[in-house]
Amino acid sequence: MVVTWPDMTERRVVAALAWSLDARGRRRTLTNLNYSDRTIRLLTVAPLAVLAAGVGVQLAQTPIYNGGAHSTLLTVVLMACYLPMVGYQVWSAAHLRRPRGGWWMFAATAVIIAAGVLLIGNEWQLTIAHLLVSALIVLPRR
C-alpha cells in the first residue's frame, strides 16, 4: 500500500472574503490558485506592518514637536492601552474574521484616543487614523 501526501492545493483552506466583491458583483476569494502561499501570508501580515509603521512615526513625532519627557511617556502609556485592541482587530480582519468584542474595543479605543488628544495635543492627531481603521473593521457594511 502506497501512501501519498495530498497536493498543496488540497491542503490549503482559506476562507472567502466577506466584504470584497469583484466587478461582476460576486464574492472574491483567496482560494483562487493564482495566489501563492507567500502572497496569502503577506496579505495577512502587511496590515500589522502598516500599523507598526504608524506607531513608529507617532513615537518619533511626539518628542520632536512636544519637547517634554512627560508627553512622550504619556504617548507610550496611551498607545500601550489601545494598540493591543486595534492590533487584534487588524489581525482578525486580515484573517477574514470579525473580531469578538469589536464594539467594546472600538469604544475603548475612541475614549483613549480622545483622552490623548486632550492631554497631549495636536501631535496625537495621527492616532485618529487608528480609530478610523478600527471603525472600518467593526462597523457593519451594506
N, C-alpha and C. Protein backbone atom coordinates (compact mmCIF):
# COMPACT_ATOMS: atom_id res chain seq x y z
N MET A 1 0.84 -1.17 0.00
CA MET A 1 0.00 0.00 0.00
C MET A 1 0.89 1.24 0.00
N VAL A 2 0.65 2.14 -0.91
CA VAL A 2 1.44 3.35 -1.04
C VAL A 2 0.61 4.53 -0.53
N VAL A 3 1.23 5.30 0.39
CA VAL A 3 0.55 6.47 0.93
C VAL A 3 1.18 7.70 0.32
N THR A 4 0.39 8.56 -0.27
CA THR A 4 0.91 9.79 -0.86
C THR A 4 0.28 10.98 -0.14
N TRP A 5 1.04 12.05 -0.08
CA TRP A 5 0.53 13.28 0.52
C TRP A 5 -0.33 14.01 -0.49
N PRO A 6 -1.39 14.65 -0.03
CA PRO A 6 -2.22 15.41 -0.98
C PRO A 6 -1.48 16.64 -1.49
N ASP A 7 -1.93 17.14 -2.60
CA ASP A 7 -1.34 18.36 -3.16
C ASP A 7 -1.50 19.50 -2.18
N MET A 8 -0.63 20.52 -2.34
CA MET A 8 -0.74 21.72 -1.51
C MET A 8 -2.08 22.41 -1.72
N THR A 9 -2.61 22.32 -2.94
CA THR A 9 -3.89 22.99 -3.22
C THR A 9 -5.03 22.33 -2.47
N GLU A 10 -4.92 21.03 -2.18
CA GLU A 10 -5.96 20.34 -1.45
C GLU A 10 -5.87 20.61 0.04
N ARG A 11 -4.66 20.83 0.56
CA ARG A 11 -4.49 21.04 2.00
C ARG A 11 -4.80 22.47 2.40
N ARG A 12 -4.61 23.42 1.49
CA ARG A 12 -4.79 24.83 1.84
C ARG A 12 -6.28 25.16 1.88
N VAL A 13 -6.72 25.64 3.03
CA VAL A 13 -8.11 26.04 3.19
C VAL A 13 -8.11 27.49 3.65
N VAL A 14 -8.62 28.37 2.83
CA VAL A 14 -8.68 29.79 3.15
C VAL A 14 -10.12 30.23 3.00
N ALA A 15 -10.61 30.96 3.99
CA ALA A 15 -12.00 31.42 3.96
C ALA A 15 -12.19 32.48 2.89
N ALA A 16 -13.39 32.61 2.41
CA ALA A 16 -13.71 33.63 1.41
C ALA A 16 -13.80 35.00 2.07
N LEU A 17 -13.40 36.03 1.33
CA LEU A 17 -13.55 37.38 1.85
C LEU A 17 -15.03 37.70 1.98
N ALA A 18 -15.41 38.27 3.10
CA ALA A 18 -16.82 38.52 3.35
C ALA A 18 -17.27 39.86 2.77
N TRP A 19 -16.35 40.76 2.46
CA TRP A 19 -16.77 42.10 2.07
C TRP A 19 -16.16 42.58 0.76
N SER A 20 -15.46 41.73 0.08
CA SER A 20 -14.82 42.14 -1.16
C SER A 20 -15.57 41.55 -2.34
N LEU A 21 -15.96 42.40 -3.29
CA LEU A 21 -16.68 41.93 -4.47
C LEU A 21 -15.87 42.23 -5.71
N ASP A 22 -16.01 41.38 -6.72
CA ASP A 22 -15.32 41.65 -7.97
C ASP A 22 -16.21 42.54 -8.86
N ALA A 23 -15.81 42.75 -10.10
CA ALA A 23 -16.53 43.66 -10.99
C ALA A 23 -17.94 43.18 -11.32
N ARG A 24 -18.14 41.88 -11.26
CA ARG A 24 -19.46 41.33 -11.58
C ARG A 24 -20.38 41.21 -10.37
N GLY A 25 -19.90 41.62 -9.20
CA GLY A 25 -20.72 41.54 -8.00
C GLY A 25 -20.62 40.23 -7.26
N ARG A 26 -19.72 39.36 -7.68
CA ARG A 26 -19.52 38.08 -7.00
C ARG A 26 -18.47 38.25 -5.91
N ARG A 27 -18.52 37.39 -4.91
CA ARG A 27 -17.52 37.44 -3.84
C ARG A 27 -16.16 37.03 -4.37
N ARG A 28 -15.15 37.78 -3.94
CA ARG A 28 -13.78 37.49 -4.33
C ARG A 28 -13.16 36.62 -3.25
N THR A 29 -12.44 35.59 -3.63
CA THR A 29 -11.86 34.68 -2.64
C THR A 29 -10.35 34.60 -2.79
N LEU A 30 -9.71 34.17 -1.71
CA LEU A 30 -8.27 33.93 -1.75
C LEU A 30 -7.96 32.47 -2.06
N THR A 31 -8.97 31.65 -2.29
CA THR A 31 -8.73 30.25 -2.59
C THR A 31 -8.38 30.03 -4.06
N ASN A 32 -8.39 31.09 -4.83
CA ASN A 32 -8.01 31.00 -6.23
C ASN A 32 -6.56 30.49 -6.31
N LEU A 33 -6.29 29.61 -7.22
CA LEU A 33 -4.95 29.03 -7.31
C LEU A 33 -3.92 30.01 -7.85
N ASN A 34 -4.36 31.19 -8.31
CA ASN A 34 -3.41 32.19 -8.79
C ASN A 34 -2.63 32.81 -7.64
N TYR A 35 -3.14 32.73 -6.41
CA TYR A 35 -2.45 33.27 -5.25
C TYR A 35 -1.52 32.21 -4.67
N SER A 36 -0.26 32.58 -4.46
CA SER A 36 0.66 31.63 -3.84
C SER A 36 0.52 31.71 -2.32
N ASP A 37 1.10 30.75 -1.63
CA ASP A 37 1.07 30.76 -0.17
C ASP A 37 1.80 31.97 0.38
N ARG A 38 2.88 32.37 -0.27
CA ARG A 38 3.62 33.56 0.18
C ARG A 38 2.77 34.82 0.05
N THR A 39 2.02 34.92 -1.03
CA THR A 39 1.16 36.08 -1.22
C THR A 39 0.09 36.13 -0.13
N ILE A 40 -0.49 35.00 0.19
CA ILE A 40 -1.52 34.96 1.23
C ILE A 40 -0.91 35.33 2.57
N ARG A 41 0.28 34.84 2.88
CA ARG A 41 0.94 35.21 4.14
C ARG A 41 1.23 36.70 4.18
N LEU A 42 1.69 37.26 3.07
CA LEU A 42 1.97 38.69 3.00
C LEU A 42 0.70 39.51 3.20
N LEU A 43 -0.39 39.07 2.59
CA LEU A 43 -1.66 39.78 2.73
C LEU A 43 -2.18 39.77 4.16
N THR A 44 -1.84 38.76 4.94
CA THR A 44 -2.31 38.71 6.32
C THR A 44 -1.38 39.43 7.29
N VAL A 45 -0.12 39.62 6.94
CA VAL A 45 0.83 40.28 7.84
C VAL A 45 1.01 41.76 7.51
N ALA A 46 0.78 42.15 6.27
CA ALA A 46 1.01 43.53 5.84
C ALA A 46 0.21 44.57 6.65
N PRO A 47 -1.06 44.34 6.99
CA PRO A 47 -1.76 45.35 7.79
C PRO A 47 -1.12 45.60 9.15
N LEU A 48 -0.58 44.57 9.77
CA LEU A 48 0.11 44.77 11.05
C LEU A 48 1.40 45.55 10.87
N ALA A 49 2.08 45.34 9.75
CA ALA A 49 3.30 46.11 9.48
C ALA A 49 2.98 47.59 9.27
N VAL A 50 1.88 47.87 8.60
CA VAL A 50 1.47 49.26 8.41
C VAL A 50 1.10 49.89 9.74
N LEU A 51 0.42 49.15 10.60
CA LEU A 51 0.07 49.64 11.94
C LEU A 51 1.32 49.93 12.75
N ALA A 52 2.30 49.04 12.68
CA ALA A 52 3.56 49.26 13.40
C ALA A 52 4.32 50.47 12.86
N ALA A 53 4.27 50.70 11.56
CA ALA A 53 4.92 51.88 11.00
C ALA A 53 4.26 53.16 11.49
N GLY A 54 2.95 53.16 11.60
CA GLY A 54 2.25 54.32 12.15
C GLY A 54 2.61 54.59 13.58
N VAL A 55 2.78 53.54 14.35
CA VAL A 55 3.20 53.69 15.75
C VAL A 55 4.61 54.28 15.81
N GLY A 56 5.49 53.81 14.95
CA GLY A 56 6.85 54.35 14.92
C GLY A 56 6.88 55.82 14.58
N VAL A 57 6.07 56.23 13.61
CA VAL A 57 6.00 57.64 13.25
C VAL A 57 5.47 58.46 14.41
N GLN A 58 4.44 57.96 15.08
CA GLN A 58 3.87 58.68 16.22
C GLN A 58 4.89 58.82 17.35
N LEU A 59 5.61 57.75 17.64
CA LEU A 59 6.60 57.80 18.72
C LEU A 59 7.78 58.70 18.36
N ALA A 60 8.10 58.82 17.09
CA ALA A 60 9.18 59.73 16.67
C ALA A 60 8.71 61.18 16.64
N GLN A 61 7.45 61.38 16.33
CA GLN A 61 6.92 62.73 16.17
C GLN A 61 6.66 63.42 17.51
N THR A 62 6.24 62.70 18.51
CA THR A 62 5.86 63.32 19.78
C THR A 62 7.01 64.05 20.47
N PRO A 63 8.19 63.46 20.65
CA PRO A 63 9.26 64.22 21.31
C PRO A 63 9.80 65.38 20.48
N ILE A 64 9.66 65.30 19.16
CA ILE A 64 10.16 66.39 18.31
C ILE A 64 9.29 67.63 18.49
N TYR A 65 7.99 67.46 18.43
CA TYR A 65 7.09 68.60 18.49
C TYR A 65 6.68 68.98 19.91
N ASN A 66 6.79 68.08 20.82
CA ASN A 66 6.44 68.32 22.21
C ASN A 66 7.68 68.02 23.05
N GLY A 67 8.42 69.04 23.45
CA GLY A 67 9.75 68.88 23.99
C GLY A 67 9.87 68.16 25.31
N GLY A 68 8.80 67.83 25.99
CA GLY A 68 8.94 67.24 27.31
C GLY A 68 8.90 65.73 27.31
N ALA A 69 9.54 65.17 28.33
CA ALA A 69 9.51 63.72 28.50
C ALA A 69 8.14 63.27 28.99
N HIS A 70 7.40 64.18 29.60
CA HIS A 70 6.07 63.86 30.10
C HIS A 70 5.14 63.44 28.95
N SER A 71 5.14 64.19 27.85
CA SER A 71 4.25 63.86 26.73
C SER A 71 4.70 62.57 26.04
N THR A 72 6.00 62.33 25.98
CA THR A 72 6.49 61.10 25.38
C THR A 72 6.08 59.89 26.21
N LEU A 73 6.21 60.00 27.51
CA LEU A 73 5.79 58.90 28.40
C LEU A 73 4.29 58.69 28.32
N LEU A 74 3.54 59.78 28.27
CA LEU A 74 2.08 59.67 28.15
C LEU A 74 1.69 59.02 26.82
N THR A 75 2.42 59.34 25.75
CA THR A 75 2.16 58.72 24.45
C THR A 75 2.40 57.21 24.52
N VAL A 76 3.48 56.81 25.13
CA VAL A 76 3.79 55.38 25.24
C VAL A 76 2.73 54.66 26.07
N VAL A 77 2.30 55.26 27.16
CA VAL A 77 1.29 54.63 28.03
C VAL A 77 -0.04 54.50 27.30
N LEU A 78 -0.49 55.58 26.65
CA LEU A 78 -1.77 55.53 25.95
C LEU A 78 -1.74 54.55 24.78
N MET A 79 -0.61 54.52 24.06
CA MET A 79 -0.51 53.56 22.96
C MET A 79 -0.50 52.12 23.46
N ALA A 80 0.13 51.91 24.60
CA ALA A 80 0.14 50.56 25.18
C ALA A 80 -1.27 50.14 25.60
N CYS A 81 -2.14 51.11 25.86
CA CYS A 81 -3.51 50.79 26.25
C CYS A 81 -4.38 50.41 25.04
N TYR A 82 -4.25 51.14 23.94
CA TYR A 82 -5.18 50.88 22.84
C TYR A 82 -4.61 50.03 21.71
N LEU A 83 -3.30 49.95 21.56
CA LEU A 83 -2.75 49.19 20.43
C LEU A 83 -3.03 47.69 20.47
N PRO A 84 -3.07 47.03 21.61
CA PRO A 84 -3.44 45.61 21.57
C PRO A 84 -4.85 45.39 21.02
N MET A 85 -5.76 46.30 21.32
CA MET A 85 -7.13 46.16 20.81
C MET A 85 -7.18 46.37 19.31
N VAL A 86 -6.54 47.43 18.83
CA VAL A 86 -6.54 47.70 17.39
C VAL A 86 -5.75 46.62 16.65
N GLY A 87 -4.66 46.17 17.25
CA GLY A 87 -3.89 45.09 16.63
C GLY A 87 -4.69 43.82 16.48
N TYR A 88 -5.49 43.49 17.50
CA TYR A 88 -6.35 42.30 17.41
C TYR A 88 -7.40 42.48 16.32
N GLN A 89 -7.96 43.68 16.21
CA GLN A 89 -8.96 43.92 15.18
C GLN A 89 -8.34 43.81 13.78
N VAL A 90 -7.16 44.37 13.60
CA VAL A 90 -6.48 44.30 12.31
C VAL A 90 -6.12 42.85 11.99
N TRP A 91 -5.64 42.12 12.97
CA TRP A 91 -5.30 40.71 12.77
C TRP A 91 -6.53 39.90 12.39
N SER A 92 -7.64 40.16 13.06
CA SER A 92 -8.89 39.46 12.72
C SER A 92 -9.33 39.78 11.30
N ALA A 93 -9.27 41.05 10.94
CA ALA A 93 -9.68 41.43 9.58
C ALA A 93 -8.74 40.83 8.54
N ALA A 94 -7.45 40.77 8.84
CA ALA A 94 -6.50 40.19 7.89
C ALA A 94 -6.73 38.70 7.72
N HIS A 95 -7.28 38.05 8.75
CA HIS A 95 -7.59 36.63 8.66
C HIS A 95 -9.06 36.39 8.33
N LEU A 96 -9.71 37.44 7.80
CA LEU A 96 -11.06 37.34 7.26
C LEU A 96 -12.09 36.96 8.31
N ARG A 97 -11.94 37.47 9.52
CA ARG A 97 -12.88 37.22 10.60
C ARG A 97 -13.35 38.54 11.20
N ARG A 98 -14.51 38.51 11.81
CA ARG A 98 -14.98 39.63 12.62
C ARG A 98 -14.37 39.49 14.01
N PRO A 99 -13.83 40.57 14.58
CA PRO A 99 -13.25 40.46 15.93
C PRO A 99 -14.34 40.30 16.98
N ARG A 100 -14.08 39.43 17.95
CA ARG A 100 -15.02 39.28 19.06
C ARG A 100 -14.90 40.49 19.98
N GLY A 101 -16.00 41.03 20.40
CA GLY A 101 -15.98 42.20 21.26
C GLY A 101 -15.51 43.45 20.54
N GLY A 102 -15.70 43.49 19.23
CA GLY A 102 -15.21 44.60 18.43
C GLY A 102 -15.82 45.94 18.81
N TRP A 103 -17.10 45.95 19.14
CA TRP A 103 -17.74 47.21 19.52
C TRP A 103 -17.15 47.76 20.80
N TRP A 104 -16.90 46.89 21.77
CA TRP A 104 -16.33 47.35 23.05
C TRP A 104 -14.91 47.86 22.84
N MET A 105 -14.15 47.16 22.01
CA MET A 105 -12.79 47.62 21.74
C MET A 105 -12.79 48.94 20.97
N PHE A 106 -13.74 49.11 20.05
CA PHE A 106 -13.85 50.36 19.31
C PHE A 106 -14.18 51.51 20.26
N ALA A 107 -15.11 51.28 21.19
CA ALA A 107 -15.48 52.34 22.15
C ALA A 107 -14.31 52.68 23.07
N ALA A 108 -13.60 51.66 23.55
CA ALA A 108 -12.45 51.91 24.43
C ALA A 108 -11.34 52.65 23.68
N THR A 109 -11.12 52.28 22.44
CA THR A 109 -10.10 52.96 21.63
C THR A 109 -10.48 54.42 21.42
N ALA A 110 -11.76 54.67 21.16
CA ALA A 110 -12.21 56.06 20.97
C ALA A 110 -12.01 56.89 22.23
N VAL A 111 -12.28 56.31 23.39
CA VAL A 111 -12.10 57.05 24.65
C VAL A 111 -10.61 57.33 24.90
N ILE A 112 -9.76 56.34 24.66
CA ILE A 112 -8.32 56.52 24.89
C ILE A 112 -7.74 57.55 23.93
N ILE A 113 -8.14 57.50 22.67
CA ILE A 113 -7.61 58.46 21.69
C ILE A 113 -8.13 59.87 21.98
N ALA A 114 -9.39 59.99 22.38
CA ALA A 114 -9.91 61.31 22.74
C ALA A 114 -9.18 61.87 23.95
N ALA A 115 -8.89 61.03 24.94
CA ALA A 115 -8.12 61.48 26.10
C ALA A 115 -6.71 61.91 25.68
N GLY A 116 -6.12 61.19 24.73
CA GLY A 116 -4.79 61.56 24.25
C GLY A 116 -4.79 62.90 23.54
N VAL A 117 -5.84 63.17 22.76
CA VAL A 117 -5.92 64.46 22.07
C VAL A 117 -6.02 65.59 23.10
N LEU A 118 -6.77 65.36 24.17
CA LEU A 118 -6.90 66.38 25.21
C LEU A 118 -5.61 66.56 26.01
N LEU A 119 -4.93 65.46 26.33
CA LEU A 119 -3.75 65.53 27.20
C LEU A 119 -2.47 65.90 26.45
N ILE A 120 -2.31 65.40 25.24
CA ILE A 120 -1.06 65.60 24.52
C ILE A 120 -1.15 66.76 23.53
N GLY A 121 -2.25 66.85 22.81
CA GLY A 121 -2.42 67.95 21.88
C GLY A 121 -2.40 67.50 20.44
N ASN A 122 -2.00 68.42 19.56
CA ASN A 122 -2.07 68.18 18.12
C ASN A 122 -1.18 67.04 17.64
N GLU A 123 -0.12 66.74 18.36
CA GLU A 123 0.77 65.65 17.94
C GLU A 123 0.07 64.30 18.00
N TRP A 124 -0.99 64.21 18.76
CA TRP A 124 -1.69 62.94 18.95
C TRP A 124 -2.71 62.70 17.84
N GLN A 125 -2.94 63.65 16.96
CA GLN A 125 -3.98 63.51 15.94
C GLN A 125 -3.69 62.42 14.93
N LEU A 126 -2.46 62.02 14.78
CA LEU A 126 -2.13 60.93 13.87
C LEU A 126 -2.80 59.62 14.29
N THR A 127 -3.03 59.46 15.58
CA THR A 127 -3.65 58.22 16.05
C THR A 127 -5.12 58.13 15.70
N ILE A 128 -5.72 59.22 15.25
CA ILE A 128 -7.11 59.15 14.80
C ILE A 128 -7.22 58.21 13.60
N ALA A 129 -6.14 58.05 12.85
CA ALA A 129 -6.15 57.08 11.75
C ALA A 129 -6.36 55.66 12.28
N HIS A 130 -5.81 55.35 13.45
CA HIS A 130 -6.03 54.03 14.04
C HIS A 130 -7.50 53.85 14.43
N LEU A 131 -8.12 54.93 14.88
CA LEU A 131 -9.55 54.88 15.21
C LEU A 131 -10.38 54.67 13.94
N LEU A 132 -9.99 55.30 12.85
CA LEU A 132 -10.70 55.10 11.59
C LEU A 132 -10.56 53.67 11.08
N VAL A 133 -9.38 53.10 11.22
CA VAL A 133 -9.17 51.70 10.83
C VAL A 133 -10.05 50.79 11.67
N SER A 134 -10.11 51.06 12.97
CA SER A 134 -10.96 50.27 13.85
C SER A 134 -12.43 50.40 13.45
N ALA A 135 -12.85 51.61 13.08
CA ALA A 135 -14.24 51.82 12.66
C ALA A 135 -14.54 51.04 11.38
N LEU A 136 -13.61 51.04 10.43
CA LEU A 136 -13.83 50.30 9.18
C LEU A 136 -13.95 48.79 9.41
N ILE A 137 -13.25 48.30 10.41
CA ILE A 137 -13.29 46.86 10.70
C ILE A 137 -14.55 46.49 11.45
N VAL A 138 -14.94 47.32 12.41
CA VAL A 138 -16.03 46.95 13.33
C VAL A 138 -17.41 47.32 12.81
N LEU A 139 -17.54 48.51 12.24
CA LEU A 139 -18.88 48.95 11.81
C LEU A 139 -19.41 48.08 10.69
N PRO A 140 -20.71 47.80 10.71
CA PRO A 140 -21.28 46.92 9.68
C PRO A 140 -21.30 47.59 8.31
N ARG A 141 -21.19 46.76 7.29
CA ARG A 141 -21.24 47.22 5.91
C ARG A 141 -22.55 46.80 5.28
N ARG A 142 -22.86 47.42 4.12
CA ARG A 142 -24.08 47.07 3.41
C ARG A 142 -24.02 45.65 2.89
